[in-house]
Amino acid sequence: MSGAAHVLVIGGTDSSGGAGLVRDIQVITELGARASCVVTAVTAQSNSEVVTSHVLAPELVRQQLRAALRSNDVRAIKIGMLGTGAIVQAVLDELPDRSRIPIIVDPVLCSSSGAPLLNPEGLHLLRDHLLSRCTLVTPNLIEASALLGEPIAKDDARQSSQAEALLRFCSTGVLLKGGHGTKGNSVDILATRAGPPVSFRAKRLDVTMRGTGCALSSAIAASMASGVPMEVACQQAKTYVYDKLRALRPSG
């Protein structure tokens, strides 16, 4: 793997191994890229809930990010859990220009069980400052609702409208994920400034897997690190996650 593209992931640990940096690194490595990480928080999680979490000192996050960028030829950055406004600011202070390195932000606001994973100051800094520094943001329906201060989208038309609305905070792209929806298909909508929104559809499967959001954004980062265009990377990542979920279905 000496010639593999290098992806830097920024986020929190998950003691259960289902999400966070463990999932990020697993996906990136499986897709043939190399990974390094910046730890922002340590969480104690089971497969059903976040028991507790502890954020790291912002200066330590800053020093990790500075050292990681100095040590590796980073070709893409994926950002997950940040925890506090002070950590968001530390990342902002050290983040390279998105014109040089694709930056994918998965806006982790709360856990699947509802535990808050970003404080109000952090939410505002992420929305009003970090998103404009990134290449692509990948919120789910609940996160998009929080970022926009609107009700959760209930249909494809509203989801598409919210994806385009989020572009006012972002530089180039929004992939609004539909995994939390209830329709027969899981629809992800990519909105960019280059043209009308694009939909990626997959049959909704009656299985669950923690860390699907982490997996999707990390898969996108791995592809874009190798030079794959954003739209193609989103489609490839959608297929990757779908195949993982399909493999969980009971045989027979």
Protein backbone atom coordinates (compact mmCIF):
# COMPACT_ATOMS: atom_id res chain seq x y z
CA MET A 1 0.00 0.00 0.00
CA SER A 2 3.01 2.28 -0.24
CA GLY A 3 1.50 4.10 -3.23
CA ALA A 4 -2.05 4.24 -1.83
CA ALA A 5 -3.79 7.58 -1.38
CA HIS A 6 -3.75 8.90 2.17
CA VAL A 7 -6.92 9.99 4.01
CA LEU A 8 -6.85 11.90 7.29
CA VAL A 9 -9.89 11.34 9.51
CA ILE A 10 -10.85 13.67 12.34
CA GLY A 11 -13.36 12.44 14.92
CA GLY A 12 -14.14 10.55 18.09
CA THR A 13 -13.47 7.00 19.18
CA ASP A 14 -16.20 4.42 19.75
CA SER A 15 -15.41 1.70 22.28
CA SER A 16 -17.94 -0.66 20.65
CA GLY A 17 -16.13 -0.38 17.30
CA GLY A 18 -19.33 0.30 15.38
CA ALA A 19 -18.82 3.93 14.46
CA GLY A 20 -16.38 6.82 14.68
CA LEU A 21 -12.71 6.48 13.91
CA VAL A 22 -12.74 2.69 14.09
CA ARG A 23 -15.34 2.50 11.32
CA ASP A 24 -13.60 5.26 9.32
CA ILE A 25 -10.24 3.53 9.30
CA GLN A 26 -11.79 0.13 8.57
CA VAL A 27 -13.59 1.47 5.49
CA ILE A 28 -10.68 3.51 4.17
CA THR A 29 -8.29 0.58 4.51
CA GLU A 30 -10.76 -1.85 2.94
CA LEU A 31 -11.05 0.45 -0.07
CA GLY A 32 -7.29 0.40 -0.60
CA ALA A 33 -6.32 3.78 0.86
CA ARG A 34 -4.17 4.60 3.88
CA ALA A 35 -5.51 6.35 6.97
CA SER A 36 -4.25 8.50 9.80
CA CYS A 37 -6.39 10.07 12.49
CA VAL A 38 -6.90 13.05 14.76
CA VAL A 39 -8.84 12.18 17.92
CA THR A 40 -11.29 14.81 19.12
CA ALA A 41 -13.18 12.84 21.77
CA VAL A 42 -13.27 9.50 23.56
CA THR A 43 -16.69 7.90 23.94
CA ALA A 44 -17.88 4.89 25.89
CA GLN A 45 -20.53 3.25 23.70
CA SER A 46 -22.41 0.00 23.50
CA ASN A 47 -24.27 -1.18 20.44
CA SER A 48 -27.36 0.66 21.65
CA GLU A 49 -26.27 3.86 23.39
CA VAL A 50 -23.56 6.37 24.22
CA VAL A 51 -22.78 5.83 27.90
CA THR A 52 -20.49 8.82 28.29
CA SER A 53 -18.03 10.91 26.31
CA HIS A 54 -15.05 13.13 27.00
CA VAL A 55 -13.69 15.72 24.57
CA LEU A 56 -9.98 16.34 24.28
CA ALA A 57 -8.29 19.68 24.88
CA PRO A 58 -8.58 21.89 21.75
CA GLU A 59 -4.83 22.53 21.75
CA LEU A 60 -4.15 18.78 21.65
CA VAL A 61 -6.52 18.46 18.67
CA ARG A 62 -4.73 21.36 17.00
CA GLN A 63 -1.31 19.77 17.54
CA GLN A 64 -2.51 16.38 16.26
CA LEU A 65 -3.87 17.94 13.08
CA ARG A 66 -0.74 19.98 12.50
CA ALA A 67 1.50 16.94 12.98
CA ALA A 68 -0.65 14.67 10.77
CA LEU A 69 -0.58 17.12 7.88
CA ARG A 70 3.15 17.60 8.25
CA SER A 71 3.84 13.85 8.36
CA ASN A 72 1.76 12.57 5.44
CA ASP A 73 0.88 13.41 1.86
CA VAL A 74 -2.81 13.76 2.69
CA ARG A 75 -5.07 13.55 -0.36
CA ALA A 76 -8.43 13.92 1.41
CA ILE A 77 -9.76 14.81 4.86
CA LYS A 78 -12.90 13.40 6.47
CA ILE A 79 -14.29 15.23 9.54
CA GLY A 80 -16.75 13.58 11.93
CA MET A 81 -17.41 14.23 15.62
CA LEU A 82 -15.99 17.52 16.92
CA GLY A 83 -17.78 17.89 20.25
CA THR A 84 -17.36 21.56 21.12
CA GLY A 85 -17.04 24.97 19.55
CA ALA A 86 -13.47 25.23 20.79
CA ILE A 87 -12.53 22.06 18.90
CA VAL A 88 -14.32 23.26 15.76
CA GLN A 89 -12.24 26.45 15.97
CA ALA A 90 -9.02 24.51 16.47
CA VAL A 91 -9.75 22.48 13.34
CA LEU A 92 -10.63 25.63 11.41
CA ASP A 93 -7.31 27.18 12.41
CA GLU A 94 -5.28 24.28 10.96
CA LEU A 95 -7.43 23.12 8.05
CA PRO A 96 -5.79 23.35 4.61
CA ASP A 97 -7.48 24.97 1.61
CA ARG A 98 -10.17 22.76 0.04
CA SER A 99 -8.84 23.69 -3.43
CA ARG A 100 -5.77 21.62 -2.59
CA ILE A 101 -7.32 18.75 -0.59
CA PRO A 102 -10.96 17.54 -0.75
CA ILE A 103 -12.59 17.95 2.67
CA ILE A 104 -15.69 15.90 3.52
CA VAL A 105 -17.68 16.85 6.64
CA ASP A 106 -20.10 14.39 8.23
CA PRO A 107 -21.83 16.75 10.71
CA VAL A 108 -22.11 14.52 13.79
CA LEU A 109 -24.61 16.36 16.01
CA CYS A 110 -26.01 13.50 18.10
CA SER A 111 -25.80 9.73 18.39
CA SER A 112 -28.40 7.34 17.02
CA SER A 113 -29.70 6.98 20.59
CA GLY A 114 -30.09 10.78 20.87
CA ALA A 115 -27.04 11.72 22.95
CA PRO A 116 -25.74 15.20 21.97
CA LEU A 117 -22.27 15.05 20.41
CA LEU A 118 -21.81 18.74 19.50
CA ASN A 119 -22.63 21.69 21.73
CA PRO A 120 -24.64 24.73 20.50
CA GLU A 121 -21.54 26.88 19.97
CA GLY A 122 -20.02 24.08 17.92
CA LEU A 123 -23.16 23.77 15.80
CA HIS A 124 -23.07 27.46 14.92
CA LEU A 125 -19.37 27.43 14.11
CA LEU A 126 -19.74 24.29 12.00
CA ARG A 127 -22.68 25.69 10.05
CA ASP A 128 -21.47 29.27 9.63
CA HIS A 129 -17.72 28.72 9.19
CA LEU A 130 -16.60 25.12 8.75
CA LEU A 131 -19.04 24.13 6.01
CA SER A 132 -17.82 26.95 3.77
CA ARG A 133 -14.32 25.49 4.06
CA CYS A 134 -15.32 21.99 2.96
CA THR A 135 -15.83 20.28 -0.40
CA LEU A 136 -18.83 18.17 0.59
CA VAL A 137 -21.10 17.90 3.62
CA THR A 138 -23.07 14.69 4.24
CA PRO A 139 -25.89 15.30 6.75
CA ASN A 140 -28.74 12.89 7.40
CA LEU A 141 -32.34 14.12 7.51
CA ILE A 142 -32.18 14.90 11.23
CA GLU A 143 -28.90 16.81 10.94
CA ALA A 144 -30.17 18.80 7.96
CA SER A 145 -33.24 19.75 9.97
CA ALA A 146 -31.05 21.02 12.83
CA LEU A 147 -28.71 22.94 10.52
CA LEU A 148 -31.59 24.66 8.75
CA GLY A 149 -33.93 25.06 11.72
CA GLU A 150 -36.70 23.37 9.70
CA PRO A 151 -38.90 20.28 10.16
CA ILE A 152 -37.42 16.97 9.01
CA ALA A 153 -38.03 16.35 5.30
CA LYS A 154 -40.74 13.75 4.74
CA ASP A 155 -40.57 13.31 0.96
CA ASP A 156 -38.08 13.49 -1.90
CA ALA A 157 -39.15 16.97 -2.98
CA ARG A 158 -38.61 18.44 0.49
CA GLN A 159 -35.34 16.56 0.86
CA SER A 160 -34.11 17.99 -2.44
CA SER A 161 -35.20 21.48 -1.38
CA GLN A 162 -33.31 21.19 1.90
CA ALA A 163 -30.19 19.90 0.15
CA GLU A 164 -30.20 22.99 -2.05
CA ALA A 165 -30.93 25.24 0.92
CA LEU A 166 -27.85 23.91 2.71
CA LEU A 167 -25.70 25.06 -0.21
CA ARG A 168 -25.87 28.59 1.17
CA PHE A 169 -23.55 27.42 3.96
CA CYS A 170 -21.33 25.23 1.78
CA SER A 171 -18.74 25.76 -0.88
CA THR A 172 -19.48 23.11 -3.45
CA GLY A 173 -21.67 20.15 -2.46
CA VAL A 174 -24.30 18.71 -0.10
CA LEU A 175 -25.19 15.01 -0.01
CA LEU A 176 -28.41 14.82 2.01
CA LYS A 177 -28.81 11.19 3.09
CA GLY A 178 -32.22 9.57 3.28
CA GLY A 179 -31.40 6.56 5.44
CA HIS A 180 -33.62 7.84 8.26
CA GLY A 181 -36.62 8.03 5.95
CA THR A 182 -39.46 5.51 5.78
CA LYS A 183 -40.10 5.12 2.04
CA GLY A 184 -39.42 1.90 0.15
CA ASN A 185 -36.22 3.34 -1.30
CA SER A 186 -33.38 4.99 0.56
CA VAL A 187 -32.66 8.15 -1.44
CA ASP A 188 -29.56 10.31 -1.10
CA ILE A 189 -29.65 13.66 -2.91
CA LEU A 190 -26.52 15.46 -4.09
CA ALA A 191 -26.90 19.21 -4.56
CA THR A 192 -24.07 21.22 -6.11
CA ARG A 193 -23.60 24.62 -7.67
CA ALA A 194 -22.89 22.96 -11.02
CA GLY A 195 -26.44 21.92 -11.90
CA PRO A 196 -29.71 20.37 -10.66
CA PRO A 197 -29.71 17.88 -7.77
CA VAL A 198 -28.82 14.25 -8.47
CA SER A 199 -30.54 11.34 -6.69
CA PHE A 200 -28.93 8.05 -5.68
CA ARG A 201 -31.50 5.36 -4.92
CA ALA A 202 -31.25 1.96 -3.29
CA LYS A 203 -33.89 -0.43 -1.99
CA ARG A 204 -34.39 -0.01 1.74
CA LEU A 205 -33.27 -3.19 3.49
CA ASP A 206 -34.75 -4.55 6.70
CA VAL A 207 -31.39 -4.63 8.48
CA THR A 208 -29.48 -2.19 10.65
CA MET A 209 -25.80 -1.41 11.01
CA ARG A 210 -24.24 1.22 13.22
CA GLY A 211 -21.85 3.66 11.63
CA THR A 212 -23.41 3.77 8.16
CA GLY A 213 -22.95 7.55 8.04
CA CYS A 214 -19.31 7.21 9.02
CA ALA A 215 -18.85 4.48 6.41
CA LEU A 216 -20.46 6.50 3.62
CA SER A 217 -18.46 9.68 4.18
CA SER A 218 -15.20 7.76 4.65
CA ALA A 219 -15.83 5.82 1.44
CA ILE A 220 -16.38 9.10 -0.39
CA ALA A 221 -13.14 10.47 1.07
CA ALA A 222 -11.21 7.36 0.02
CA SER A 223 -12.48 7.66 -3.56
CA MET A 224 -11.88 11.40 -3.83
CA ALA A 225 -8.37 10.94 -2.42
CA SER A 226 -7.68 8.81 -5.50
CA GLY A 227 -9.01 11.50 -7.83
CA VAL A 228 -12.55 10.21 -8.35
CA PRO A 229 -15.03 13.06 -9.09
CA MET A 230 -17.49 13.93 -6.32
CA GLU A 231 -20.66 12.61 -7.98
CA VAL A 232 -19.02 9.31 -8.90
CA ALA A 233 -17.53 9.00 -5.41
CA CYS A 234 -20.99 9.49 -3.86
CA GLN A 235 -22.49 6.79 -6.07
CA GLN A 236 -19.65 4.37 -5.32
CA ALA A 237 -20.01 4.99 -1.58
CA LYS A 238 -23.78 4.46 -1.72
CA THR A 239 -23.20 1.12 -3.43
CA TYR A 240 -20.50 0.17 -0.93
CA VAL A 241 -22.77 0.78 2.09
CA TYR A 242 -25.71 -0.94 0.40
CA ASP A 243 -23.60 -4.03 -0.25
CA LYS A 244 -22.50 -4.07 3.40
CA LEU A 245 -26.11 -3.92 4.57
CA ARG A 246 -27.24 -6.55 2.09
CA ALA A 247 -24.55 -8.92 3.39
CA LEU A 248 -26.16 -8.70 6.86
CA ARG A 249 -29.49 -10.13 5.69
CA PRO A 250 -30.15 -13.68 6.91
CA SER A 251 -29.53 -16.25 4.21
CA GLY A 252 -32.48 -18.19 2.89
